[in-house]
């Protein structure tokens, strides 16, 4: 049985079309929105791809730069390692040199102390010789003060005992009365130089006064002959006045030896002065004083000055009790032994 197509009425079709139109509009809108979203998504994806490509390119650049920088850093690290090795080697050399310098400085310090101690020992020995041989307390005092100054500059505690010993000897020498050995020796030298100028007593002549003759003068040839005979006799005989009754006439050779013996006596007095032998010193000066009084012209000013000088020198003390420097010498010996150990 064949069905007949149904016929639709126009009002129904319009009603259906009226119902379909909103749905179609909605579908079209949805399709438009979906298309816009698809386009927008594609744009965003494209932008993201572009941005990603840019970032990838930038990342590649950064990576390349990083590789370059890393390579440079590696090279720098390698150079720094080499330089660090060189610095460490130089530092090791510097430390070795520093140790060597410290050892050298210690050796020099010890040597300097040894040299200073040797110098001080020589100074103290010189001061001791001045006291023992020349009796010159002033020179010994100057030498000990010089040694004390050297020790103060050195300022080492191991030399404190030596410094105290030297200071004690200085105090003892300061209490010793001073003798002007140099001044006395100078006056003796002046007397020795003046000996040759001192006049001998027998050389002091008194003019002879001839008495007037009471007889009439003889004229003529006999008178002349008599005067000549008288002049010859005057040349043979001289009248002199002696200051002392026991003054002997001295020949020129005896006068020379007298002066030389007087000089020798003054020289032995000078030697006794330097040796602080007061007995020999006074004995020689008293002998010289007696010789001057006996054989030289006491009325002459030079002889008078010589006698005054001899008297003053004979009364000058030349012998004193000098202290020894045994304490300083013992301290020096102890310091040297202590440094050896």
Foldseek 3Di string as FASTA:
>chain_A
DDDDDDDDDVVVVVVVVVVVVVVVVVVVVVVVVVVVVVVVVVVVVVVVVVVVVVVVVVVVVVVVVVVVVVVVVVVVVVVVVVVVVVVVVVVVVVVVVVVVVVVVVVVVLLVVVVVLLVVLLVLQVVLQCCCQQQVQLVSSLVSLVVNLVSCVVNPDPLCPQLNVLSVVLNVQSVPWDHAPLVVLLVVLVVLLVCLVVFAWQQPDADDDDDDDDPDDQDDDPVNVVVVVVVVVVPVVDGDGDGPDPPQDDDDPVRSVVLSVVLSVLSVQLSVCLRNQVLVSNLVSLVVSLVSLVRTTDCVDPVSVVSNVSSVVSSPGRRHDDRDGSVSSNVSSVVSVVVVVD
